[in-house]
N, C-alpha and C. Protein backbone atom coordinates (compact mmCIF):
# COMPACT_ATOMS: atom_id res chain seq x y z
N UNK A 1 9.70 194.81 127.79
CA UNK A 1 8.67 194.23 127.10
C UNK A 1 8.69 192.77 127.06
N UNK A 2 10.18 192.31 126.89
CA UNK A 2 10.34 190.90 127.01
C UNK A 2 10.12 190.05 128.41
N UNK A 3 10.29 191.07 129.32
CA UNK A 3 9.87 190.39 130.51
C UNK A 3 8.25 190.05 130.76
N UNK A 4 7.58 191.31 130.37
CA UNK A 4 6.02 191.10 130.22
C UNK A 4 5.77 189.92 129.42
N UNK A 5 6.17 189.90 128.33
CA UNK A 5 5.80 188.55 127.62
C UNK A 5 5.89 187.23 128.03
N UNK A 6 7.04 187.37 128.72
CA UNK A 6 7.44 186.19 129.39
C UNK A 6 6.47 185.50 130.50
N UNK A 7 6.22 186.53 131.27
CA UNK A 7 5.21 186.31 132.54
C UNK A 7 3.77 186.07 131.67
N UNK A 8 3.57 186.85 130.96
CA UNK A 8 2.25 186.60 130.09
C UNK A 8 1.92 185.24 129.84
N UNK A 9 2.49 184.29 129.54
CA UNK A 9 2.33 182.83 129.27
C UNK A 9 1.87 182.13 130.57
N UNK A 10 2.65 182.35 131.51
CA UNK A 10 2.37 182.00 132.93
C UNK A 10 0.95 182.16 133.39
N UNK A 11 0.91 183.68 133.48
CA UNK A 11 -0.60 184.11 133.88
C UNK A 11 -1.62 183.88 133.05
N UNK A 12 -1.43 183.57 131.86
CA UNK A 12 -2.58 182.80 130.94
C UNK A 12 -3.09 181.60 131.35
N UNK A 13 -1.86 180.83 131.27
CA UNK A 13 -2.07 179.49 132.01
C UNK A 13 -2.96 179.43 133.39
N UNK A 14 -2.65 180.56 134.25
CA UNK A 14 -3.35 180.52 135.38
C UNK A 14 -4.62 181.18 135.47
N UNK A 15 -5.15 181.65 133.99
CA UNK A 15 -6.47 182.11 134.15
C UNK A 15 -6.69 183.68 133.98
N UNK A 16 -5.54 184.33 133.64
CA UNK A 16 -5.88 185.63 133.36
C UNK A 16 -6.56 186.11 132.23
N UNK A 17 -7.54 186.95 132.47
CA UNK A 17 -8.54 187.38 131.31
C UNK A 17 -8.00 188.42 130.39
N UNK A 18 -7.02 189.29 131.01
CA UNK A 18 -6.50 190.23 130.46
C UNK A 18 -5.27 190.66 130.97
N UNK A 19 -4.06 191.15 130.14
CA UNK A 19 -2.98 191.65 130.89
C UNK A 19 -2.82 193.17 129.99
N UNK A 20 -2.42 194.03 130.49
CA UNK A 20 -2.11 195.48 129.96
C UNK A 20 -0.96 195.99 130.67
N UNK A 21 0.06 196.57 129.83
CA UNK A 21 1.41 196.85 130.02
C UNK A 21 1.61 198.36 129.46
N UNK A 22 1.91 199.30 130.06
CA UNK A 22 1.81 200.98 129.63
C UNK A 22 3.21 201.27 130.16
N UNK A 23 3.59 202.06 129.17
CA UNK A 23 4.58 202.70 129.45
C UNK A 23 4.40 204.26 129.17
N UNK A 24 4.85 204.80 130.71
CA UNK A 24 4.42 206.36 130.88
C UNK A 24 5.29 207.27 129.95
N UNK A 25 4.46 208.21 129.05
CA UNK A 25 4.89 208.98 128.46
C UNK A 25 4.63 210.50 128.86
N UNK A 26 3.74 210.63 129.83
CA UNK A 26 3.28 211.91 130.37
C UNK A 26 2.88 211.57 131.72
N UNK A 27 3.77 211.58 132.55
CA UNK A 27 3.41 211.06 134.03
C UNK A 27 4.19 212.13 134.74
N UNK A 28 3.72 213.30 135.23
CA UNK A 28 4.12 214.35 135.94
C UNK A 28 4.93 214.08 137.39
N UNK A 29 5.70 214.63 137.57
CA UNK A 29 6.00 214.77 138.83
C UNK A 29 5.28 215.66 139.88
N UNK A 30 4.78 215.29 140.94
CA UNK A 30 3.76 215.82 141.67
C UNK A 30 4.74 216.81 142.82
N UNK A 31 3.84 217.64 143.64
CA UNK A 31 4.56 218.45 144.37
C UNK A 31 4.39 217.85 145.95
N UNK A 32 3.07 217.17 146.00
CA UNK A 32 2.82 216.33 147.11
C UNK A 32 3.11 214.93 146.99
N UNK A 33 2.22 214.34 146.22
CA UNK A 33 2.19 212.91 145.85
C UNK A 33 2.23 212.84 144.24
N UNK A 34 2.67 211.91 143.67
CA UNK A 34 2.50 211.43 142.36
C UNK A 34 3.25 209.92 142.04
N UNK A 35 2.95 209.31 140.94
CA UNK A 35 3.20 208.07 140.46
C UNK A 35 4.92 207.95 140.46
N UNK A 36 5.61 209.13 140.03
CA UNK A 36 7.02 208.87 140.10
C UNK A 36 7.53 209.10 141.47
N UNK A 37 6.91 209.80 142.19
CA UNK A 37 7.37 209.80 143.65
C UNK A 37 7.15 208.70 144.57
N UNK A 38 6.05 207.84 144.16
CA UNK A 38 5.70 206.72 144.62
C UNK A 38 6.64 205.47 144.67
N UNK A 39 7.09 205.74 143.42
CA UNK A 39 8.23 204.41 143.27
C UNK A 39 9.65 205.07 143.08
N UNK A 40 10.04 206.48 143.53
CA UNK A 40 11.13 206.75 143.53
C UNK A 40 12.02 206.79 142.11
N UNK A 41 11.11 207.15 141.09
CA UNK A 41 11.55 207.32 139.84
C UNK A 41 12.82 208.21 139.76
N UNK A 42 13.76 207.64 138.96
CA UNK A 42 15.04 208.26 138.78
C UNK A 42 14.89 209.20 137.42
N UNK A 43 15.83 210.24 137.26
CA UNK A 43 15.66 211.16 136.06
C UNK A 43 15.70 210.48 134.72
N UNK A 44 16.10 209.02 134.88
CA UNK A 44 16.27 208.58 133.36
C UNK A 44 15.36 207.47 133.45
N UNK A 45 14.28 207.48 134.00
CA UNK A 45 13.35 206.39 134.19
C UNK A 45 11.89 207.01 133.92
N UNK A 46 10.89 206.07 133.53
CA UNK A 46 9.59 206.38 133.65
C UNK A 46 8.82 205.68 134.45
N UNK A 47 7.53 205.71 134.59
CA UNK A 47 6.79 204.76 135.34
C UNK A 47 5.80 203.84 134.30
N UNK A 48 5.84 202.53 134.63
CA UNK A 48 5.21 201.49 133.93
C UNK A 48 3.84 200.97 134.92
N UNK A 49 2.87 201.08 133.95
CA UNK A 49 1.42 200.74 134.73
C UNK A 49 1.13 199.60 134.03
N UNK A 50 0.99 198.66 134.87
CA UNK A 50 0.51 197.17 134.47
C UNK A 50 -0.67 196.65 135.23
N UNK A 51 -1.62 196.13 134.72
CA UNK A 51 -2.85 195.28 135.55
C UNK A 51 -3.12 194.05 134.93
N UNK A 52 -3.72 193.35 135.66
CA UNK A 52 -3.86 191.97 135.14
C UNK A 52 -5.82 191.95 135.84
N UNK A 53 -6.41 191.33 134.72
CA UNK A 53 -7.95 190.94 135.15
C UNK A 53 -8.13 189.63 135.37
N UNK A 54 -8.49 189.30 136.21
CA UNK A 54 -8.68 188.04 136.95
C UNK A 54 -10.34 187.51 136.75
N UNK A 55 -10.65 186.27 136.45
CA UNK A 55 -11.82 185.83 136.77
C UNK A 55 -12.69 186.01 138.16
N UNK A 56 -11.62 186.00 139.04
CA UNK A 56 -12.06 185.82 140.79
C UNK A 56 -10.58 186.12 141.42
N UNK A 57 -10.97 186.55 142.63
CA UNK A 57 -10.24 186.89 143.75
C UNK A 57 -9.28 185.31 143.94
N UNK A 58 -10.15 184.49 144.14
CA UNK A 58 -9.87 183.07 144.60
C UNK A 58 -8.59 182.62 143.37
N UNK A 59 -9.09 182.69 142.09
CA UNK A 59 -7.97 182.20 141.11
C UNK A 59 -6.86 183.08 141.03
N UNK A 60 -6.73 184.57 141.32
CA UNK A 60 -5.75 185.52 141.52
C UNK A 60 -4.97 184.89 142.70
N UNK A 61 -5.71 184.62 144.03
CA UNK A 61 -4.64 184.33 145.05
C UNK A 61 -3.90 183.14 144.67
N UNK A 62 -4.51 181.90 144.19
CA UNK A 62 -3.95 180.69 143.91
C UNK A 62 -2.77 180.78 142.91
N UNK A 63 -3.07 181.71 141.95
CA UNK A 63 -1.92 182.22 141.00
C UNK A 63 -0.82 182.86 141.52
N UNK A 64 -0.77 183.55 142.50
CA UNK A 64 -0.01 184.21 143.25
C UNK A 64 0.96 183.48 144.08
N UNK A 65 0.18 182.31 144.63
CA UNK A 65 1.00 181.38 145.36
C UNK A 65 2.04 180.72 144.39
N UNK A 66 1.34 180.28 143.15
CA UNK A 66 2.36 179.76 142.11
C UNK A 66 3.52 180.75 141.55
N UNK A 67 3.18 181.78 141.52
CA UNK A 67 3.89 182.79 140.92
C UNK A 67 4.96 183.13 141.71
N UNK A 68 4.96 182.98 143.22
CA UNK A 68 6.00 182.98 143.88
C UNK A 68 6.82 181.85 144.39
N UNK A 69 6.35 180.95 143.96
CA UNK A 69 7.06 179.71 144.35
C UNK A 69 7.58 178.87 142.97
N UNK A 70 6.77 179.19 141.70
CA UNK A 70 7.00 178.74 140.48
C UNK A 70 6.76 177.11 140.52
N UNK A 71 6.85 176.54 139.39
CA UNK A 71 6.59 174.97 139.39
C UNK A 71 7.88 174.40 139.79
N UNK A 72 7.93 173.27 140.80
CA UNK A 72 8.68 172.89 141.47
C UNK A 72 9.86 171.90 140.48
N UNK A 73 8.96 171.29 139.54
CA UNK A 73 9.96 170.45 138.40
C UNK A 73 10.55 171.41 137.60
N UNK A 74 10.22 172.33 137.23
CA UNK A 74 10.94 173.21 136.15
C UNK A 74 11.33 174.71 136.38
N UNK A 75 10.72 175.05 137.79
CA UNK A 75 11.29 176.70 137.87
C UNK A 75 10.67 177.50 136.92
N UNK A 76 9.51 177.41 136.64
CA UNK A 76 9.14 178.09 135.21
C UNK A 76 7.98 179.25 135.89
N UNK A 77 7.93 179.65 136.92
CA UNK A 77 7.24 180.68 137.45
C UNK A 77 7.74 181.86 137.43
N UNK A 78 7.12 183.07 137.48
CA UNK A 78 7.46 184.33 136.93
C UNK A 78 8.58 184.71 138.29
N UNK A 79 8.51 184.47 139.36
CA UNK A 79 9.44 184.84 140.18
C UNK A 79 11.04 184.13 139.71
N UNK A 80 11.01 183.02 139.19
CA UNK A 80 12.05 182.46 138.79
C UNK A 80 12.99 183.29 137.73
N UNK A 81 12.18 184.08 137.22
CA UNK A 81 12.51 184.98 136.11
C UNK A 81 13.25 186.44 136.75
N UNK A 82 13.19 186.74 137.96
CA UNK A 82 13.49 187.74 138.31
C UNK A 82 14.99 188.35 138.14
N UNK A 83 15.60 187.37 138.13
CA UNK A 83 17.20 187.93 137.73
C UNK A 83 17.11 188.46 136.36
N UNK A 84 16.12 188.15 135.46
CA UNK A 84 16.12 188.82 134.04
C UNK A 84 15.10 190.07 134.12
N UNK A 85 14.53 190.56 135.17
CA UNK A 85 13.81 191.84 135.38
C UNK A 85 14.54 192.95 135.10
N UNK A 86 14.09 193.55 133.96
CA UNK A 86 14.90 194.91 133.66
C UNK A 86 14.17 196.09 134.43
N UNK A 87 13.98 195.75 135.69
CA UNK A 87 13.45 196.95 136.69
C UNK A 87 13.67 196.51 138.10
N UNK A 88 13.78 197.54 139.10
CA UNK A 88 13.85 196.99 140.30
C UNK A 88 12.50 196.39 140.91
N UNK A 89 12.34 195.36 141.26
CA UNK A 89 10.92 194.78 141.42
C UNK A 89 10.63 195.21 142.98
N UNK A 90 11.50 195.54 143.78
CA UNK A 90 11.35 195.98 145.22
C UNK A 90 10.47 197.41 145.20
N UNK A 91 10.29 198.12 143.90
CA UNK A 91 9.84 199.41 143.77
C UNK A 91 8.38 199.30 143.14
N UNK A 92 7.99 197.90 142.95
CA UNK A 92 6.61 197.76 142.29
C UNK A 92 5.48 197.98 143.65
N UNK A 93 4.49 198.62 143.13
CA UNK A 93 3.39 198.57 143.82
C UNK A 93 2.34 197.67 143.49
N UNK A 94 1.67 196.83 144.52
CA UNK A 94 0.85 195.76 144.26
C UNK A 94 -0.57 196.05 144.95
N UNK A 95 -1.73 195.72 144.54
CA UNK A 95 -2.86 195.93 145.09
C UNK A 95 -3.94 195.19 144.19
N UNK A 96 -5.12 194.77 144.93
CA UNK A 96 -6.35 194.13 144.07
C UNK A 96 -7.33 195.11 144.46
N UNK A 97 -8.10 195.25 143.39
CA UNK A 97 -9.21 196.35 143.23
C UNK A 97 -10.51 195.50 142.88
N UNK A 98 -11.66 195.88 143.33
CA UNK A 98 -13.01 195.47 142.89
C UNK A 98 -13.49 196.52 141.98
N UNK A 99 -14.23 196.19 140.95
CA UNK A 99 -14.58 197.17 139.78
C UNK A 99 -16.02 197.72 140.28
N UNK A 100 -16.05 199.01 140.45
CA UNK A 100 -17.40 199.43 140.68
C UNK A 100 -18.00 200.35 139.71
N UNK A 101 -17.32 200.47 138.35
CA UNK A 101 -17.83 200.81 137.50
C UNK A 101 -17.18 200.43 136.17
N UNK A 102 -17.93 199.99 135.08
CA UNK A 102 -17.23 199.74 133.80
C UNK A 102 -18.25 200.42 132.79
N UNK A 103 -17.79 201.16 131.78
CA UNK A 103 -18.72 201.63 130.80
C UNK A 103 -17.91 201.36 129.28
């Protein structure tokens, strides 16, 4: 939770409209495919689902460049907090999606 709060300030400054962080409490292991299988979830772990809503893909792409490099003056980009990440960032799944239905 602390890591999500830490990066939320950065993403808000970059234009994020909404940040949602969800802790898995009913994420079943599949037989063929599942979220736990996709991230190689260990028995003492659960899946965390997060997403950001951006005003546009262009804004997102520019922010991701900043996130990966940080501010050269004070190293405050989320990538610089990687050493404080409470999870294995290599097991994260990233993607961009276009909304096709919103009710």
